[in-house]
């Protein structure tokens, strides 16, 4: 992207798959996925990569490989769907998926109340969540809707996926939270489409 017009160019971002609402409404639904793998400038890429490296290593150890992948991937989709519903801006970046991971730390604190290491991790990332959301309130360059959607998606998905240690204790709750996640996606997509269509 840097060599093909620059990764900070709106035209380049849209061409490579950034979230662009008018094209999503026209049927390019894959734009709810591809923004997770694009970044606006090198600094944006480095910052998200550092967070992903440190947070991801901890969460992958707890959830396991495939659960961690599903959490990251579908948390990011929820974030992009929220951005589609509530933000007109062209957006890209792994932040929606990262906030999905942040949301999972809140759930882990409930599932592992007797584990000091997880409790400390959850508190540390809770502070980071709060700081990021506060920063987003005062910055026009931050996709706050995408961050909030990712956070909600990751929170719900963490109950669906749980972890190998506790999954058998939460069978009914997993189904409920799975339906809540699907319902959240449907509502966000309907809102996003409704912004362009007069019912």
N, C-alpha and C. Protein backbone atom coordinates (compact mmCIF):
# COMPACT_ATOMS: atom_id res chain seq x y z
N UNK A 1 0.83 -1.20 0.00
CA UNK A 1 0.00 0.00 0.00
C UNK A 1 0.86 1.25 0.00
N UNK A 2 1.97 1.20 0.74
CA UNK A 2 2.88 2.35 0.79
C UNK A 2 3.42 2.65 -0.59
N UNK A 3 3.70 1.60 -1.36
CA UNK A 3 4.25 1.78 -2.70
C UNK A 3 3.18 2.04 -3.75
N UNK A 4 1.93 1.84 -3.38
CA UNK A 4 0.83 1.98 -4.34
C UNK A 4 -0.10 3.12 -3.94
N UNK A 5 0.48 4.28 -3.73
CA UNK A 5 -0.33 5.45 -3.41
C UNK A 5 -0.26 5.91 -1.98
N UNK A 6 0.29 5.07 -1.10
CA UNK A 6 0.45 5.45 0.30
C UNK A 6 -0.68 4.92 1.17
N UNK A 7 -0.33 4.35 2.32
CA UNK A 7 -1.34 3.73 3.18
C UNK A 7 -2.16 4.76 3.95
N UNK A 8 -1.83 6.04 3.82
CA UNK A 8 -2.66 7.08 4.44
C UNK A 8 -3.60 7.72 3.42
N UNK A 9 -3.52 7.28 2.18
CA UNK A 9 -4.39 7.80 1.13
C UNK A 9 -5.76 7.14 1.20
N UNK A 10 -6.83 7.95 1.23
CA UNK A 10 -8.18 7.41 1.29
C UNK A 10 -8.46 6.51 0.09
N UNK A 11 -8.03 6.95 -1.10
CA UNK A 11 -8.27 6.16 -2.30
C UNK A 11 -7.58 4.80 -2.21
N UNK A 12 -6.34 4.80 -1.73
CA UNK A 12 -5.60 3.54 -1.59
C UNK A 12 -6.26 2.64 -0.56
N UNK A 13 -6.65 3.21 0.56
CA UNK A 13 -7.30 2.42 1.61
C UNK A 13 -8.58 1.76 1.10
N UNK A 14 -9.41 2.52 0.40
CA UNK A 14 -10.65 1.97 -0.12
C UNK A 14 -10.36 0.89 -1.15
N UNK A 15 -9.37 1.12 -2.00
CA UNK A 15 -9.02 0.14 -3.04
C UNK A 15 -8.57 -1.19 -2.43
N UNK A 16 -7.91 -1.13 -1.28
CA UNK A 16 -7.37 -2.34 -0.67
C UNK A 16 -8.34 -3.00 0.31
N UNK A 17 -9.48 -2.35 0.59
CA UNK A 17 -10.49 -3.03 1.40
C UNK A 17 -10.88 -2.37 2.70
N UNK A 18 -10.58 -1.08 2.86
CA UNK A 18 -10.99 -0.38 4.08
C UNK A 18 -12.50 -0.34 4.21
N UNK A 19 -12.98 -0.10 5.42
CA UNK A 19 -14.43 0.03 5.62
C UNK A 19 -14.91 1.32 4.98
N UNK A 20 -15.79 1.17 3.99
CA UNK A 20 -16.34 2.31 3.27
C UNK A 20 -17.82 2.03 3.09
N UNK A 21 -18.64 2.69 3.87
CA UNK A 21 -20.06 2.35 3.98
C UNK A 21 -20.82 2.25 2.65
N UNK A 22 -20.67 3.22 1.73
CA UNK A 22 -21.44 3.12 0.48
C UNK A 22 -21.18 1.82 -0.28
N UNK A 23 -19.95 1.34 -0.29
CA UNK A 23 -19.64 0.10 -1.01
C UNK A 23 -20.15 -1.12 -0.25
N UNK A 24 -20.18 -1.05 1.07
CA UNK A 24 -20.75 -2.16 1.85
C UNK A 24 -22.22 -2.31 1.54
N UNK A 25 -22.93 -1.18 1.50
CA UNK A 25 -24.36 -1.21 1.19
C UNK A 25 -24.62 -1.78 -0.20
N UNK A 26 -23.67 -1.56 -1.12
CA UNK A 26 -23.81 -2.06 -2.48
C UNK A 26 -23.45 -3.53 -2.61
N UNK A 27 -23.07 -4.16 -1.49
CA UNK A 27 -22.85 -5.60 -1.51
C UNK A 27 -21.44 -6.06 -1.20
N UNK A 28 -20.52 -5.15 -0.94
CA UNK A 28 -19.15 -5.55 -0.62
C UNK A 28 -19.02 -5.82 0.89
N UNK A 29 -19.70 -6.89 1.33
CA UNK A 29 -19.76 -7.20 2.76
C UNK A 29 -18.42 -7.66 3.31
N UNK A 30 -17.53 -8.06 2.44
CA UNK A 30 -16.20 -8.46 2.90
C UNK A 30 -15.45 -7.29 3.54
N UNK A 31 -15.94 -6.08 3.32
CA UNK A 31 -15.31 -4.91 3.95
C UNK A 31 -15.57 -4.85 5.47
N UNK A 32 -16.35 -5.77 5.99
CA UNK A 32 -16.47 -5.91 7.44
C UNK A 32 -15.34 -6.78 8.00
N UNK A 33 -14.55 -7.37 7.11
CA UNK A 33 -13.43 -8.23 7.51
C UNK A 33 -12.08 -7.62 7.18
N UNK A 34 -11.92 -7.19 5.94
CA UNK A 34 -10.60 -6.74 5.47
C UNK A 34 -10.00 -5.55 6.22
N UNK A 35 -10.79 -4.64 6.80
CA UNK A 35 -10.15 -3.52 7.51
C UNK A 35 -9.24 -3.96 8.65
N UNK A 36 -9.49 -5.14 9.22
CA UNK A 36 -8.65 -5.63 10.32
C UNK A 36 -7.21 -5.84 9.89
N UNK A 37 -7.00 -6.02 8.60
CA UNK A 37 -5.67 -6.36 8.10
C UNK A 37 -5.00 -5.20 7.36
N UNK A 38 -5.58 -4.02 7.47
CA UNK A 38 -5.01 -2.82 6.87
C UNK A 38 -4.69 -1.82 7.97
N UNK A 39 -3.72 -0.95 7.71
CA UNK A 39 -3.41 0.09 8.68
C UNK A 39 -3.11 1.41 7.98
N UNK A 40 -3.41 2.49 8.69
CA UNK A 40 -3.26 3.82 8.12
C UNK A 40 -1.92 4.40 8.58
N UNK A 41 -0.88 4.09 7.85
CA UNK A 41 0.45 4.56 8.19
C UNK A 41 1.24 3.54 9.00
N UNK A 42 2.55 3.69 8.98
CA UNK A 42 3.45 2.75 9.66
C UNK A 42 3.30 2.81 11.18
N UNK A 43 3.13 4.01 11.73
CA UNK A 43 2.99 4.16 13.18
C UNK A 43 1.77 3.40 13.68
N UNK A 44 0.68 3.51 12.95
CA UNK A 44 -0.56 2.80 13.29
C UNK A 44 -0.32 1.29 13.32
N UNK A 45 0.39 0.80 12.32
CA UNK A 45 0.70 -0.62 12.23
C UNK A 45 1.57 -1.07 13.40
N UNK A 46 2.60 -0.31 13.71
CA UNK A 46 3.52 -0.68 14.78
C UNK A 46 2.81 -0.69 16.13
N UNK A 47 2.02 0.34 16.41
CA UNK A 47 1.33 0.43 17.70
C UNK A 47 0.40 -0.76 17.91
N UNK A 48 -0.41 -1.07 16.90
CA UNK A 48 -1.32 -2.21 17.03
C UNK A 48 -0.58 -3.53 17.11
N UNK A 49 0.52 -3.65 16.40
CA UNK A 49 1.29 -4.89 16.42
C UNK A 49 1.90 -5.14 17.80
N UNK A 50 2.39 -4.09 18.44
CA UNK A 50 2.98 -4.23 19.78
C UNK A 50 1.91 -4.69 20.78
N UNK A 51 0.74 -4.05 20.73
CA UNK A 51 -0.36 -4.45 21.63
C UNK A 51 -0.77 -5.89 21.36
N UNK A 52 -0.89 -6.23 20.08
CA UNK A 52 -1.29 -7.58 19.71
C UNK A 52 -0.28 -8.62 20.19
N UNK A 53 0.99 -8.28 20.10
CA UNK A 53 2.04 -9.22 20.50
C UNK A 53 1.94 -9.54 22.00
N UNK A 54 1.83 -8.51 22.82
CA UNK A 54 1.84 -8.74 24.27
C UNK A 54 0.51 -9.28 24.78
N UNK A 55 -0.60 -8.70 24.33
CA UNK A 55 -1.90 -9.19 24.77
C UNK A 55 -2.20 -10.55 24.16
N UNK A 56 -1.88 -10.69 22.88
CA UNK A 56 -2.18 -11.94 22.18
C UNK A 56 -1.47 -13.14 22.78
N UNK A 57 -0.22 -12.97 23.17
CA UNK A 57 0.53 -14.09 23.75
C UNK A 57 -0.13 -14.59 25.02
N UNK A 58 -0.64 -13.67 25.82
CA UNK A 58 -1.28 -14.06 27.08
C UNK A 58 -2.62 -14.75 26.82
N UNK A 59 -3.42 -14.18 25.92
CA UNK A 59 -4.75 -14.73 25.68
C UNK A 59 -4.70 -16.06 24.92
N UNK A 60 -3.76 -16.19 24.00
CA UNK A 60 -3.65 -17.45 23.27
C UNK A 60 -3.29 -18.59 24.21
N UNK A 61 -2.49 -18.28 25.22
CA UNK A 61 -2.11 -19.30 26.20
C UNK A 61 -3.31 -19.75 27.03
N UNK A 62 -4.26 -18.86 27.24
CA UNK A 62 -5.44 -19.18 28.04
C UNK A 62 -6.52 -19.86 27.19
N UNK A 63 -6.82 -19.29 26.02
CA UNK A 63 -7.92 -19.79 25.19
C UNK A 63 -7.52 -20.97 24.32
N UNK A 64 -6.26 -21.05 23.95
CA UNK A 64 -5.86 -22.03 22.95
C UNK A 64 -5.85 -21.39 21.58
N UNK A 65 -5.22 -22.04 20.62
CA UNK A 65 -4.97 -21.42 19.32
C UNK A 65 -6.24 -21.07 18.56
N UNK A 66 -7.12 -22.04 18.34
CA UNK A 66 -8.27 -21.78 17.46
C UNK A 66 -9.29 -20.87 18.13
N UNK A 67 -9.48 -21.02 19.45
CA UNK A 67 -10.41 -20.11 20.13
C UNK A 67 -9.91 -18.68 20.07
N UNK A 68 -8.62 -18.53 20.23
CA UNK A 68 -8.02 -17.19 20.15
C UNK A 68 -8.24 -16.59 18.76
N UNK A 69 -8.07 -17.40 17.71
CA UNK A 69 -8.28 -16.91 16.35
C UNK A 69 -9.73 -16.49 16.14
N UNK A 70 -10.67 -17.33 16.58
CA UNK A 70 -12.10 -17.01 16.42
C UNK A 70 -12.44 -15.73 17.18
N UNK A 71 -11.90 -15.59 18.38
CA UNK A 71 -12.15 -14.40 19.20
C UNK A 71 -11.65 -13.15 18.48
N UNK A 72 -10.44 -13.21 17.96
CA UNK A 72 -9.85 -12.06 17.26
C UNK A 72 -10.65 -11.73 16.00
N UNK A 73 -10.92 -12.74 15.20
CA UNK A 73 -11.55 -12.55 13.90
C UNK A 73 -12.98 -12.01 14.03
N UNK A 74 -13.79 -12.67 14.84
CA UNK A 74 -15.19 -12.29 14.94
C UNK A 74 -15.40 -11.09 15.87
N UNK A 75 -14.48 -10.86 16.79
CA UNK A 75 -14.53 -9.61 17.55
C UNK A 75 -14.30 -8.43 16.63
N UNK A 76 -13.37 -8.59 15.69
CA UNK A 76 -13.10 -7.54 14.72
C UNK A 76 -14.28 -7.29 13.80
N UNK A 77 -14.98 -8.34 13.40
CA UNK A 77 -16.17 -8.18 12.55
C UNK A 77 -17.23 -7.38 13.29
N UNK A 78 -17.44 -7.68 14.57
CA UNK A 78 -18.43 -6.93 15.36
C UNK A 78 -18.04 -5.46 15.43
N UNK A 79 -16.75 -5.19 15.60
CA UNK A 79 -16.29 -3.80 15.64
C UNK A 79 -16.51 -3.08 14.33
N UNK A 80 -16.22 -3.74 13.23
CA UNK A 80 -16.43 -3.12 11.92
C UNK A 80 -17.91 -2.93 11.61
N UNK A 81 -18.74 -3.85 12.09
CA UNK A 81 -20.19 -3.70 11.91
C UNK A 81 -20.70 -2.49 12.69
N UNK A 82 -20.16 -2.28 13.90
CA UNK A 82 -20.56 -1.11 14.69
C UNK A 82 -20.10 0.18 14.02
N UNK A 83 -18.91 0.14 13.44
CA UNK A 83 -18.41 1.30 12.71
C UNK A 83 -19.29 1.58 11.49
N UNK A 84 -19.71 0.52 10.80
CA UNK A 84 -20.62 0.64 9.66
C UNK A 84 -21.94 1.29 10.09
N UNK A 85 -22.42 0.93 11.27
CA UNK A 85 -23.70 1.44 11.75
C UNK A 85 -23.63 2.89 12.22
N UNK A 86 -22.51 3.27 12.83
CA UNK A 86 -22.49 4.56 13.54
C UNK A 86 -21.41 5.54 13.09
N UNK A 87 -20.62 5.17 12.10
CA UNK A 87 -19.56 6.08 11.63
C UNK A 87 -19.52 6.10 10.11
N UNK A 88 -19.48 7.30 9.55
CA UNK A 88 -19.42 7.46 8.10
C UNK A 88 -17.99 7.43 7.58
N UNK A 89 -17.02 7.49 8.46
CA UNK A 89 -15.62 7.64 8.05
C UNK A 89 -15.08 6.35 7.43
N UNK A 90 -14.15 6.53 6.50
CA UNK A 90 -13.37 5.40 6.01
C UNK A 90 -12.46 4.95 7.15
N UNK A 91 -12.43 3.67 7.45
CA UNK A 91 -11.63 3.22 8.59
C UNK A 91 -10.92 1.91 8.27
N UNK A 92 -9.80 1.71 8.96
CA UNK A 92 -9.01 0.49 8.82
C UNK A 92 -8.16 0.33 10.07
N UNK A 93 -7.71 -0.88 10.30
CA UNK A 93 -6.85 -1.13 11.45
C UNK A 93 -7.33 -2.32 12.26
N UNK A 94 -6.41 -2.88 13.02
CA UNK A 94 -6.72 -4.04 13.85
C UNK A 94 -7.37 -3.67 15.17
N UNK A 95 -7.63 -2.38 15.39
CA UNK A 95 -8.15 -1.94 16.68
C UNK A 95 -9.48 -2.58 17.04
N UNK A 96 -10.34 -2.79 16.04
CA UNK A 96 -11.63 -3.42 16.34
C UNK A 96 -11.42 -4.82 16.91
N UNK A 97 -10.49 -5.57 16.32
CA UNK A 97 -10.19 -6.91 16.82
C UNK A 97 -9.46 -6.86 18.15
N UNK A 98 -8.58 -5.87 18.32
CA UNK A 98 -7.87 -5.73 19.59
C UNK A 98 -8.84 -5.43 20.73
N UNK A 99 -9.84 -4.61 20.46
CA UNK A 99 -10.83 -4.35 21.49
C UNK A 99 -11.67 -5.59 21.78
N UNK A 100 -11.82 -6.46 20.79
CA UNK A 100 -12.45 -7.75 21.06
C UNK A 100 -11.63 -8.54 22.06
N UNK A 101 -10.31 -8.51 21.91
CA UNK A 101 -9.43 -9.18 22.86
C UNK A 101 -9.51 -8.51 24.23
N UNK A 102 -9.57 -7.18 24.24
CA UNK A 102 -9.73 -6.46 25.51
C UNK A 102 -11.00 -6.93 26.23
N UNK A 103 -12.09 -7.07 25.46
CA UNK A 103 -13.35 -7.51 26.06
C UNK A 103 -13.23 -8.88 26.70
N UNK A 104 -12.41 -9.73 26.13
CA UNK A 104 -12.25 -11.07 26.68
C UNK A 104 -11.57 -11.05 28.04
N UNK A 105 -10.70 -10.07 28.28
CA UNK A 105 -10.03 -10.01 29.58
C UNK A 105 -11.02 -9.71 30.69
N UNK A 106 -12.10 -8.99 30.37
CA UNK A 106 -13.13 -8.70 31.38
C UNK A 106 -13.87 -9.98 31.76
N UNK A 107 -14.09 -10.85 30.77
CA UNK A 107 -14.77 -12.11 31.02
C UNK A 107 -13.87 -13.07 31.79
N UNK A 108 -12.60 -13.12 31.43
CA UNK A 108 -11.67 -14.02 32.12
C UNK A 108 -11.58 -13.70 33.60
N UNK A 109 -11.70 -12.42 33.94
CA UNK A 109 -11.66 -12.04 35.35
C UNK A 109 -12.82 -12.66 36.12
N UNK A 110 -13.97 -12.87 35.44
CA UNK A 110 -15.13 -13.50 36.08
C UNK A 110 -14.99 -15.02 36.12
N UNK A 111 -14.39 -15.58 35.07
CA UNK A 111 -14.27 -17.03 34.99
C UNK A 111 -13.17 -17.58 35.89
N UNK A 112 -12.16 -16.74 36.17
CA UNK A 112 -11.02 -17.19 36.96
C UNK A 112 -10.83 -16.27 38.17
N UNK A 113 -11.84 -16.23 39.02
CA UNK A 113 -11.80 -15.32 40.17
C UNK A 113 -10.67 -15.66 41.14
N UNK A 114 -10.26 -16.91 41.17
CA UNK A 114 -9.21 -17.31 42.11
C UNK A 114 -7.81 -17.31 41.53
N UNK A 115 -7.66 -16.81 40.30
CA UNK A 115 -6.35 -16.81 39.64
C UNK A 115 -5.76 -15.40 39.69
N UNK A 116 -4.73 -15.18 40.53
CA UNK A 116 -4.17 -13.83 40.69
C UNK A 116 -3.58 -13.27 39.39
N UNK A 117 -2.94 -14.12 38.60
CA UNK A 117 -2.30 -13.64 37.36
C UNK A 117 -3.35 -13.10 36.39
N UNK A 118 -4.46 -13.81 36.24
CA UNK A 118 -5.52 -13.36 35.34
C UNK A 118 -6.20 -12.11 35.89
N UNK A 119 -6.37 -12.04 37.20
CA UNK A 119 -6.97 -10.86 37.80
C UNK A 119 -6.11 -9.61 37.56
N UNK A 120 -4.81 -9.76 37.69
CA UNK A 120 -3.90 -8.64 37.44
C UNK A 120 -3.95 -8.23 35.97
N UNK A 121 -3.93 -9.24 35.06
CA UNK A 121 -4.01 -8.95 33.63
C UNK A 121 -5.29 -8.20 33.30
N UNK A 122 -6.40 -8.64 33.87
CA UNK A 122 -7.68 -8.01 33.60
C UNK A 122 -7.70 -6.57 34.10
N UNK A 123 -7.16 -6.32 35.29
CA UNK A 123 -7.13 -4.96 35.81
C UNK A 123 -6.28 -4.05 34.94
N UNK A 124 -5.12 -4.57 34.53
CA UNK A 124 -4.22 -3.77 33.69
C UNK A 124 -4.88 -3.38 32.37
N UNK A 125 -5.52 -4.35 31.74
CA UNK A 125 -6.14 -4.06 30.45
C UNK A 125 -7.45 -3.30 30.60
N UNK A 126 -8.10 -3.40 31.75
CA UNK A 126 -9.29 -2.58 32.01
C UNK A 126 -8.91 -1.10 32.01
N UNK A 127 -7.76 -0.81 32.60
CA UNK A 127 -7.28 0.58 32.61
C UNK A 127 -6.95 1.04 31.19
N UNK A 128 -6.34 0.15 30.41
CA UNK A 128 -6.02 0.49 29.02
C UNK A 128 -7.29 0.70 28.20
N UNK A 129 -8.32 -0.11 28.44
CA UNK A 129 -9.60 0.07 27.76
C UNK A 129 -10.16 1.45 28.07
N UNK A 130 -10.17 1.80 29.35
CA UNK A 130 -10.72 3.09 29.78
C UNK A 130 -9.97 4.25 29.16
N UNK A 131 -8.65 4.18 29.15
CA UNK A 131 -7.84 5.25 28.59
C UNK A 131 -8.09 5.39 27.09
N UNK A 132 -8.19 4.27 26.40
CA UNK A 132 -8.43 4.30 24.95
C UNK A 132 -9.80 4.88 24.63
N UNK A 133 -10.81 4.51 25.42
CA UNK A 133 -12.15 5.02 25.17
C UNK A 133 -12.23 6.52 25.47
N UNK A 134 -11.56 6.96 26.53
CA UNK A 134 -11.53 8.38 26.84
C UNK A 134 -10.82 9.17 25.75
N UNK A 135 -9.71 8.61 25.26
CA UNK A 135 -8.97 9.25 24.17
C UNK A 135 -9.85 9.35 22.92
N UNK A 136 -10.63 8.28 22.67
CA UNK A 136 -11.50 8.27 21.50
C UNK A 136 -12.59 9.32 21.55
N UNK A 137 -13.02 9.69 22.74
CA UNK A 137 -14.05 10.71 22.88
C UNK A 137 -13.58 12.08 22.41
N UNK A 138 -12.27 12.30 22.49
CA UNK A 138 -11.73 13.63 22.19
C UNK A 138 -10.88 13.66 20.92
N UNK A 139 -10.89 12.56 20.18
CA UNK A 139 -10.10 12.50 18.95
C UNK A 139 -10.99 12.12 17.77
N UNK A 140 -10.95 12.93 16.73
CA UNK A 140 -11.74 12.63 15.54
C UNK A 140 -11.09 11.54 14.68
N UNK A 141 -9.85 11.18 14.99
CA UNK A 141 -9.15 10.17 14.19
C UNK A 141 -9.37 8.76 14.71
N UNK A 142 -10.05 8.64 15.84
CA UNK A 142 -10.30 7.33 16.44
C UNK A 142 -11.72 6.89 16.13
N UNK A 143 -11.87 5.66 15.67
CA UNK A 143 -13.19 5.10 15.37
C UNK A 143 -13.77 4.53 16.66
N UNK A 144 -14.37 5.39 17.45
CA UNK A 144 -14.89 4.99 18.76
C UNK A 144 -15.98 3.93 18.63
N UNK A 145 -16.84 4.07 17.62
CA UNK A 145 -17.90 3.08 17.42
C UNK A 145 -17.31 1.70 17.15
N UNK A 146 -16.26 1.66 16.32
CA UNK A 146 -15.59 0.39 16.03
C UNK A 146 -14.98 -0.23 17.27
N UNK A 147 -14.37 0.61 18.12
CA UNK A 147 -13.77 0.11 19.35
C UNK A 147 -14.83 -0.46 20.29
N UNK A 148 -15.95 0.27 20.44
CA UNK A 148 -17.01 -0.18 21.33
C UNK A 148 -17.64 -1.48 20.81
N UNK A 149 -17.83 -1.55 19.48
CA UNK A 149 -18.39 -2.76 18.90
C UNK A 149 -17.47 -3.97 19.09
N UNK A 150 -16.18 -3.75 18.89
CA UNK A 150 -15.22 -4.83 19.11
C UNK A 150 -15.21 -5.29 20.56
N UNK A 151 -15.28 -4.34 21.48
CA UNK A 151 -15.30 -4.65 22.90
C UNK A 151 -16.52 -5.51 23.26
N UNK A 152 -17.68 -5.09 22.75
CA UNK A 152 -18.91 -5.85 23.02
C UNK A 152 -18.86 -7.23 22.38
N UNK A 153 -18.37 -7.28 21.14
CA UNK A 153 -18.28 -8.56 20.45
C UNK A 153 -17.34 -9.53 21.16
N UNK A 154 -16.18 -9.03 21.55
CA UNK A 154 -15.22 -9.87 22.26
C UNK A 154 -15.74 -10.36 23.59
N UNK A 155 -16.48 -9.50 24.27
CA UNK A 155 -17.06 -9.88 25.56
C UNK A 155 -18.05 -11.04 25.38
N UNK A 156 -18.95 -10.90 24.42
CA UNK A 156 -19.94 -11.95 24.19
C UNK A 156 -19.29 -13.24 23.70
N UNK A 157 -18.35 -13.12 22.78
CA UNK A 157 -17.70 -14.30 22.23
C UNK A 157 -16.89 -15.06 23.26
N UNK A 158 -16.36 -14.35 24.24
CA UNK A 158 -15.55 -15.02 25.27
C UNK A 158 -16.39 -16.00 26.07
N UNK A 159 -17.66 -15.67 26.29
CA UNK A 159 -18.55 -16.62 26.96
C UNK A 159 -18.91 -17.79 26.04
N UNK A 160 -19.02 -17.52 24.75
CA UNK A 160 -19.33 -18.58 23.80
C UNK A 160 -18.17 -19.57 23.70
N UNK A 161 -16.97 -19.04 23.57
CA UNK A 161 -15.78 -19.88 23.40
C UNK A 161 -15.31 -20.46 24.72
N UNK A 162 -15.43 -19.67 25.78
CA UNK A 162 -14.87 -19.96 27.09
C UNK A 162 -13.42 -20.42 26.96
N UNK A 163 -13.01 -21.33 27.81
CA UNK A 163 -11.65 -21.87 27.75
C UNK A 163 -11.74 -23.37 28.00
N UNK A 164 -10.70 -24.13 27.67
CA UNK A 164 -10.76 -25.58 27.90
C UNK A 164 -11.05 -25.96 29.34
N UNK A 165 -10.71 -25.09 30.30
CA UNK A 165 -10.87 -25.42 31.71
C UNK A 165 -12.32 -25.32 32.17
N UNK A 166 -13.04 -24.32 31.67
CA UNK A 166 -14.38 -24.05 32.23
C UNK A 166 -15.53 -24.26 31.24
N UNK A 167 -15.27 -24.69 30.02
CA UNK A 167 -16.32 -24.69 29.00
C UNK A 167 -17.50 -25.59 29.36
N UNK A 168 -17.28 -26.69 30.08
CA UNK A 168 -18.37 -27.62 30.37
C UNK A 168 -19.31 -27.08 31.46
N UNK A 169 -18.91 -26.02 32.15
CA UNK A 169 -19.73 -25.46 33.21
C UNK A 169 -20.70 -24.40 32.69
N UNK A 170 -20.55 -24.01 31.41
CA UNK A 170 -21.29 -22.86 30.92
C UNK A 170 -22.12 -23.18 29.67
N UNK A 171 -22.62 -24.40 29.56
CA UNK A 171 -23.28 -24.83 28.34
C UNK A 171 -24.45 -23.93 27.96
N UNK A 172 -25.38 -23.70 28.89
CA UNK A 172 -26.54 -22.88 28.59
C UNK A 172 -26.14 -21.42 28.36
N UNK A 173 -25.26 -20.92 29.18
CA UNK A 173 -24.83 -19.54 29.04
C UNK A 173 -24.15 -19.31 27.70
N UNK A 174 -23.39 -20.30 27.23
CA UNK A 174 -22.70 -20.16 25.94
C UNK A 174 -23.72 -19.97 24.81
N UNK A 175 -24.81 -20.72 24.83
CA UNK A 175 -25.82 -20.60 23.80
C UNK A 175 -26.47 -19.22 23.83
N UNK A 176 -26.76 -18.73 25.02
CA UNK A 176 -27.39 -17.41 25.15
C UNK A 176 -26.48 -16.32 24.61
N UNK A 177 -25.23 -16.36 24.98
CA UNK A 177 -24.30 -15.32 24.53
C UNK A 177 -24.01 -15.45 23.03
N UNK A 178 -24.06 -16.67 22.51
CA UNK A 178 -23.91 -16.84 21.08
C UNK A 178 -25.05 -16.18 20.32
N UNK A 179 -26.26 -16.35 20.81
CA UNK A 179 -27.42 -15.70 20.19
C UNK A 179 -27.34 -14.18 20.33
N UNK A 180 -26.85 -13.71 21.48
CA UNK A 180 -26.69 -12.27 21.67
C UNK A 180 -25.69 -11.69 20.68
N UNK A 181 -24.60 -12.44 20.42
CA UNK A 181 -23.61 -11.96 19.45
C UNK A 181 -24.23 -11.87 18.05
N UNK A 182 -24.94 -12.91 17.64
CA UNK A 182 -25.59 -12.91 16.33
C UNK A 182 -26.60 -11.78 16.24
N UNK A 183 -27.39 -11.60 17.32
CA UNK A 183 -28.36 -10.52 17.34
C UNK A 183 -27.71 -9.16 17.23
N UNK A 184 -26.57 -8.99 17.91
CA UNK A 184 -25.84 -7.72 17.84
C UNK A 184 -25.41 -7.43 16.42
N UNK A 185 -24.85 -8.44 15.73
CA UNK A 185 -24.43 -8.25 14.35
C UNK A 185 -25.60 -7.86 13.45
N UNK A 186 -26.70 -8.55 13.61
CA UNK A 186 -27.87 -8.27 12.77
C UNK A 186 -28.35 -6.84 12.98
N UNK A 187 -28.47 -6.43 14.24
CA UNK A 187 -28.94 -5.08 14.55
C UNK A 187 -28.00 -4.03 13.96
N UNK A 188 -26.70 -4.22 14.12
CA UNK A 188 -25.74 -3.25 13.60
C UNK A 188 -25.80 -3.15 12.08
N UNK A 189 -25.92 -4.29 11.42
CA UNK A 189 -25.99 -4.28 9.95
C UNK A 189 -27.28 -3.62 9.47
N UNK A 190 -28.39 -3.90 10.15
CA UNK A 190 -29.66 -3.28 9.79
C UNK A 190 -29.58 -1.77 9.96
N UNK A 191 -28.97 -1.32 11.05
CA UNK A 191 -28.81 0.13 11.26
C UNK A 191 -27.94 0.73 10.17
N UNK A 192 -26.84 0.06 9.84
CA UNK A 192 -25.94 0.56 8.81
C UNK A 192 -26.61 0.68 7.46
N UNK A 193 -27.35 -0.35 7.08
CA UNK A 193 -28.06 -0.31 5.80
C UNK A 193 -29.17 0.73 5.84
N UNK A 194 -29.85 0.84 6.98
CA UNK A 194 -30.93 1.79 7.12
C UNK A 194 -30.49 3.23 7.00
N UNK A 195 -29.21 3.50 7.26
CA UNK A 195 -28.70 4.86 7.10
C UNK A 195 -28.71 5.31 5.64
N UNK A 196 -28.81 4.33 4.72
CA UNK A 196 -28.75 4.66 3.29
C UNK A 196 -30.06 4.38 2.56
N UNK A 197 -30.97 3.71 3.24
CA UNK A 197 -32.21 3.33 2.58
C UNK A 197 -33.39 3.90 3.36
N UNK A 198 -34.30 4.54 2.65
CA UNK A 198 -35.51 5.06 3.29
C UNK A 198 -36.53 3.96 3.33
N UNK A 199 -36.90 3.57 4.55
CA UNK A 199 -37.87 2.48 4.69
C UNK A 199 -39.27 3.02 4.46
